[in-house]
Amino acid sequence: MTPIPTETSRLPGLHAAAGALGLALIASFWLSTLGAELFGTTPQIVAVKTAIPYGLVLLVPALIVAGAGGARLARDRHGPLVARKAQRMRLVALNGLLILVPSALFLAQKAAAQDFDAAFVVVQLSELAAGAINLTLLGANLRDGLRMRQGRPALR
């Protein structure tokens, strides 16, 4: 007879799924933005920039679940790898709250009005840079999380 999964046994899977969803959403926002800006028409740019805030409805909870799940999983673990993952998540959260979410809302409003002025360009470039940073940080956390799960030491 198979034992009934407990909250603790499901937590690693939930944490991994939420983290993967967050990473995938950020990557899709970033790639869609870059593609629309480089190769798209004005209506395509408007469509991408006005759709991203709707994606935040999935992204923000996914990152909250990933961060909270990671914190819970790490409460009995110590060491530099766990500390680095926690520090990266703090940076991801700050970057998202202070730069990415406000930028997405600002750019959606400007794009809906087809107001592609200098402010739009500056905020768009800032958003792409901040998004690339978050992709890098979340990718590093994914890599280190897989190492932790497999019991392998970190490379650095």
C-alpha atoms as a PDB file:
ATOM      1  CA  MET A   1       0.000   0.000   0.000  1.00  0.00           C
ATOM      2  CA  THR A   2       1.359   3.411  -0.991  1.00  0.00           C
ATOM      3  CA  PRO A   3       1.655   5.883   1.873  1.00  0.00           C
ATOM      4  CA  ILE A   4      -0.403   9.065   1.647  1.00  0.00           C
ATOM      5  CA  PRO A   5       1.860  11.994   0.728  1.00  0.00           C
ATOM      6  CA  THR A   6       2.309  14.519   3.494  1.00  0.00           C
ATOM      7  CA  GLU A   7       2.789  18.253   3.166  1.00  0.00           C
ATOM      8  CA  THR A   8       6.512  17.758   3.726  1.00  0.00           C
ATOM      9  CA  SER A   9       6.827  15.142   0.991  1.00  0.00           C
ATOM     10  CA  ARG A  10       4.956  17.342  -1.493  1.00  0.00           C
ATOM     11  CA  LEU A  11       6.826  20.531  -0.677  1.00  0.00           C
ATOM     12  CA  PRO A  12       9.938  19.866  -2.801  1.00  0.00           C
ATOM     13  CA  GLY A  13       7.786  19.212  -5.870  1.00  0.00           C
ATOM     14  CA  LEU A  14       5.631  22.270  -5.258  1.00  0.00           C
ATOM     15  CA  HIS A  15       8.728  24.416  -4.702  1.00  0.00           C
ATOM     16  CA  ALA A  16      10.323  23.112  -7.916  1.00  0.00           C
ATOM     17  CA  ALA A  17       7.153  23.557  -9.976  1.00  0.00           C
ATOM     18  CA  ALA A  18       6.604  27.108  -8.725  1.00  0.00           C
ATOM     19  CA  GLY A  19      10.235  28.018  -9.366  1.00  0.00           C
ATOM     20  CA  ALA A  20      10.152  26.526 -12.860  1.00  0.00           C
ATOM     21  CA  LEU A  21       6.909  28.363 -13.655  1.00  0.00           C
ATOM     22  CA  GLY A  22       8.396  31.642 -12.436  1.00  0.00           C
ATOM     23  CA  LEU A  23      11.545  31.145 -14.471  1.00  0.00           C
ATOM     24  CA  ALA A  24       9.537  30.196 -17.580  1.00  0.00           C
ATOM     25  CA  LEU A  25       7.235  33.211 -17.252  1.00  0.00           C
ATOM     26  CA  ILE A  26      10.106  35.659 -16.814  1.00  0.00           C
ATOM     27  CA  ALA A  27      11.885  34.116 -19.797  1.00  0.00           C
ATOM     28  CA  SER A  28       8.736  34.371 -21.919  1.00  0.00           C
ATOM     29  CA  PHE A  29       8.174  38.017 -20.919  1.00  0.00           C
ATOM     30  CA  TRP A  30      11.815  38.837 -21.662  1.00  0.00           C
ATOM     31  CA  LEU A  31      12.010  36.999 -24.983  1.00  0.00           C
ATOM     32  CA  SER A  32       8.626  38.308 -26.147  1.00  0.00           C
ATOM     33  CA  THR A  33       9.654  41.858 -25.316  1.00  0.00           C
ATOM     34  CA  LEU A  34      13.002  41.544 -27.052  1.00  0.00           C
ATOM     35  CA  GLY A  35      11.463  39.907 -30.115  1.00  0.00           C
ATOM     36  CA  ALA A  36       8.703  42.495 -30.396  1.00  0.00           C
ATOM     37  CA  GLU A  37      11.105  45.390 -29.944  1.00  0.00           C
ATOM     38  CA  LEU A  38      13.638  44.093 -32.462  1.00  0.00           C
ATOM     39  CA  PHE A  39      11.395  42.545 -35.094  1.00  0.00           C
ATOM     40  CA  GLY A  40       7.782  43.436 -34.306  1.00  0.00           C
ATOM     41  CA  THR A  41       5.331  45.964 -35.562  1.00  0.00           C
ATOM     42  CA  THR A  42       3.744  48.625 -33.383  1.00  0.00           C
ATOM     43  CA  PRO A  43       0.613  46.485 -32.798  1.00  0.00           C
ATOM     44  CA  GLN A  44       2.824  43.543 -31.772  1.00  0.00           C
ATOM     45  CA  ILE A  45       4.763  45.685 -29.299  1.00  0.00           C
ATOM     46  CA  VAL A  46       1.480  46.976 -27.883  1.00  0.00           C
ATOM     47  CA  ALA A  47       0.147  43.418 -27.583  1.00  0.00           C
ATOM     48  CA  VAL A  48       3.241  42.148 -25.762  1.00  0.00           C
ATOM     49  CA  LYS A  49       3.563  45.098 -23.385  1.00  0.00           C
ATOM     50  CA  THR A  50      -0.143  45.122 -22.495  1.00  0.00           C
ATOM     51  CA  ALA A  51      -0.261  41.341 -21.968  1.00  0.00           C
ATOM     52  CA  ILE A  52       2.638  41.157 -19.509  1.00  0.00           C
ATOM     53  CA  PRO A  53       0.721  42.660 -16.536  1.00  0.00           C
ATOM     54  CA  TYR A  54      -1.844  39.867 -16.912  1.00  0.00           C
ATOM     55  CA  GLY A  55       1.016  37.367 -16.660  1.00  0.00           C
ATOM     56  CA  LEU A  56       2.008  38.937 -13.351  1.00  0.00           C
ATOM     57  CA  VAL A  57      -1.146  37.359 -11.919  1.00  0.00           C
ATOM     58  CA  LEU A  58       0.636  33.994 -12.341  1.00  0.00           C
ATOM     59  CA  LEU A  59       4.217  35.135 -11.840  1.00  0.00           C
ATOM     60  CA  VAL A  60       3.932  36.870  -8.477  1.00  0.00           C
ATOM     61  CA  PRO A  61       2.215  33.946  -6.692  1.00  0.00           C
ATOM     62  CA  ALA A  62       4.612  31.469  -8.338  1.00  0.00           C
ATOM     63  CA  LEU A  63       7.625  33.352  -7.003  1.00  0.00           C
ATOM     64  CA  ILE A  64       6.030  33.707  -3.564  1.00  0.00           C
ATOM     65  CA  VAL A  65       5.384  29.952  -3.425  1.00  0.00           C
ATOM     66  CA  ALA A  66       8.901  29.198  -4.672  1.00  0.00           C
ATOM     67  CA  GLY A  67      10.495  31.547  -2.148  1.00  0.00           C
ATOM     68  CA  ALA A  68       8.365  30.439   0.799  1.00  0.00           C
ATOM     69  CA  GLY A  69       8.791  26.784  -0.122  1.00  0.00           C
ATOM     70  CA  GLY A  70      12.533  27.213  -0.420  1.00  0.00           C
ATOM     71  CA  ALA A  71      12.689  28.944   2.954  1.00  0.00           C
ATOM     72  CA  ARG A  72      10.707  26.131   4.552  1.00  0.00           C
ATOM     73  CA  LEU A  73      12.838  23.446   2.924  1.00  0.00           C
ATOM     74  CA  ALA A  74      16.009  25.238   4.015  1.00  0.00           C
ATOM     75  CA  ARG A  75      15.040  25.750   7.655  1.00  0.00           C
ATOM     76  CA  ASP A  76      16.837  22.545   8.689  1.00  0.00           C
ATOM     77  CA  ARG A  77      19.698  22.986   6.238  1.00  0.00           C
ATOM     78  CA  HIS A  78      22.689  25.231   6.562  1.00  0.00           C
ATOM     79  CA  GLY A  79      25.748  26.077   4.575  1.00  0.00           C
ATOM     80  CA  PRO A  80      26.951  28.395   1.876  1.00  0.00           C
ATOM     81  CA  LEU A  81      24.763  26.916  -0.874  1.00  0.00           C
ATOM     82  CA  VAL A  82      21.569  27.469   1.104  1.00  0.00           C
ATOM     83  CA  ALA A  83      22.710  30.985   2.035  1.00  0.00           C
ATOM     84  CA  ARG A  84      23.465  31.858  -1.605  1.00  0.00           C
ATOM     85  CA  LYS A  85      20.071  30.615  -2.762  1.00  0.00           C
ATOM     86  CA  ALA A  86      18.342  32.690  -0.078  1.00  0.00           C
ATOM     87  CA  GLN A  87      20.375  35.785  -0.965  1.00  0.00           C
ATOM     88  CA  ARG A  88      19.563  35.375  -4.647  1.00  0.00           C
ATOM     89  CA  MET A  89      15.844  35.111  -3.880  1.00  0.00           C
ATOM     90  CA  ARG A  90      15.998  38.328  -1.853  1.00  0.00           C
ATOM     91  CA  LEU A  91      17.610  40.063  -4.851  1.00  0.00           C
ATOM     92  CA  VAL A  92      15.012  38.582  -7.233  1.00  0.00           C
ATOM     93  CA  ALA A  93      12.194  39.848  -4.993  1.00  0.00           C
ATOM     94  CA  LEU A  94      13.677  43.338  -4.640  1.00  0.00           C
ATOM     95  CA  ASN A  95      14.373  43.559  -8.367  1.00  0.00           C
ATOM     96  CA  GLY A  96      10.825  42.450  -9.131  1.00  0.00           C
ATOM     97  CA  LEU A  97       9.095  44.723  -6.645  1.00  0.00           C
ATOM     98  CA  LEU A  98      11.196  47.831  -7.233  1.00  0.00           C
ATOM     99  CA  ILE A  99      11.923  47.606 -10.962  1.00  0.00           C
ATOM    100  CA  LEU A 100      10.111  44.897 -12.916  1.00  0.00           C
ATOM    101  CA  VAL A 101       6.504  45.187 -11.719  1.00  0.00           C
ATOM    102  CA  PRO A 102       6.401  49.008 -11.822  1.00  0.00           C
ATOM    103  CA  SER A 103       8.138  48.956 -15.222  1.00  0.00           C
ATOM    104  CA  ALA A 104       5.666  46.436 -16.633  1.00  0.00           C
ATOM    105  CA  LEU A 105       2.710  48.544 -15.501  1.00  0.00           C
ATOM    106  CA  PHE A 106       4.259  51.785 -16.791  1.00  0.00           C
ATOM    107  CA  LEU A 107       5.187  50.243 -20.150  1.00  0.00           C
ATOM    108  CA  ALA A 108       1.747  48.673 -20.573  1.00  0.00           C
ATOM    109  CA  GLN A 109       0.120  52.059 -20.038  1.00  0.00           C
ATOM    110  CA  LYS A 110       2.509  53.816 -22.434  1.00  0.00           C
ATOM    111  CA  ALA A 111       2.159  51.067 -25.062  1.00  0.00           C
ATOM    112  CA  ALA A 112      -1.640  51.118 -24.871  1.00  0.00           C
ATOM    113  CA  ALA A 113      -1.468  54.831 -25.678  1.00  0.00           C
ATOM    114  CA  GLN A 114       1.188  54.119 -28.339  1.00  0.00           C
ATOM    115  CA  ASP A 115       3.391  56.627 -26.548  1.00  0.00           C
ATOM    116  CA  PHE A 116       6.857  55.308 -27.379  1.00  0.00           C
ATOM    117  CA  ASP A 117       8.827  58.316 -26.166  1.00  0.00           C
ATOM    118  CA  ALA A 118      12.253  58.516 -24.511  1.00  0.00           C
ATOM    119  CA  ALA A 119      10.789  57.523 -21.130  1.00  0.00           C
ATOM    120  CA  PHE A 120       9.380  54.355 -22.689  1.00  0.00           C
ATOM    121  CA  VAL A 121      12.769  53.488 -24.190  1.00  0.00           C
ATOM    122  CA  VAL A 122      14.696  54.121 -20.952  1.00  0.00           C
ATOM    123  CA  VAL A 123      12.247  52.106 -18.848  1.00  0.00           C
ATOM    124  CA  GLN A 124      12.168  49.342 -21.478  1.00  0.00           C
ATOM    125  CA  LEU A 125      15.964  49.040 -21.429  1.00  0.00           C
ATOM    126  CA  SER A 126      15.957  49.033 -17.618  1.00  0.00           C
ATOM    127  CA  GLU A 127      13.286  46.344 -17.603  1.00  0.00           C
ATOM    128  CA  LEU A 128      15.258  44.166 -20.013  1.00  0.00           C
ATOM    129  CA  ALA A 129      18.408  44.525 -17.878  1.00  0.00           C
ATOM    130  CA  ALA A 130      16.551  43.769 -14.642  1.00  0.00           C
ATOM    131  CA  GLY A 131      14.808  40.819 -16.298  1.00  0.00           C
ATOM    132  CA  ALA A 132      18.138  39.412 -17.475  1.00  0.00           C
ATOM    133  CA  ILE A 133      19.475  39.709 -13.926  1.00  0.00           C
ATOM    134  CA  ASN A 134      16.473  37.844 -12.524  1.00  0.00           C
ATOM    135  CA  LEU A 135      16.773  35.142 -15.178  1.00  0.00           C
ATOM    136  CA  THR A 136      20.422  34.669 -14.255  1.00  0.00           C
ATOM    137  CA  LEU A 137      19.708  34.555 -10.511  1.00  0.00           C
ATOM    138  CA  LEU A 138      16.778  32.151 -10.854  1.00  0.00           C
ATOM    139  CA  GLY A 139      18.772  29.951 -13.231  1.00  0.00           C
ATOM    140  CA  ALA A 140      21.574  29.761 -10.676  1.00  0.00           C
ATOM    141  CA  ASN A 141      19.048  28.838  -7.982  1.00  0.00           C
ATOM    142  CA  LEU A 142      17.618  26.110 -10.198  1.00  0.00           C
ATOM    143  CA  ARG A 143      21.096  24.721 -10.820  1.00  0.00           C
ATOM    144  CA  ASP A 144      21.969  24.770  -7.112  1.00  0.00           C
ATOM    145  CA  GLY A 145      18.591  23.331  -6.137  1.00  0.00           C
ATOM    146  CA  LEU A 146      19.157  20.381  -8.459  1.00  0.00           C
ATOM    147  CA  ARG A 147      22.596  19.868  -6.933  1.00  0.00           C
ATOM    148  CA  MET A 148      21.122  19.938  -3.429  1.00  0.00           C
ATOM    149  CA  ARG A 149      18.457  17.423  -4.406  1.00  0.00           C
ATOM    150  CA  GLN A 150      21.063  15.086  -5.840  1.00  0.00           C
ATOM    151  CA  GLY A 151      23.398  15.590  -2.891  1.00  0.00           C
ATOM    152  CA  ARG A 152      26.184  17.007  -5.052  1.00  0.00           C
ATOM    153  CA  PRO A 153      28.331  19.891  -3.872  1.00  0.00           C
ATOM    154  CA  ALA A 154      28.149  23.289  -5.533  1.00  0.00           C
ATOM    155  CA  LEU A 155      30.856  24.205  -8.008  1.00  0.00           C
ATOM    156  CA  ARG A 156      31.623  27.440  -6.198  1.00  0.00           C
END
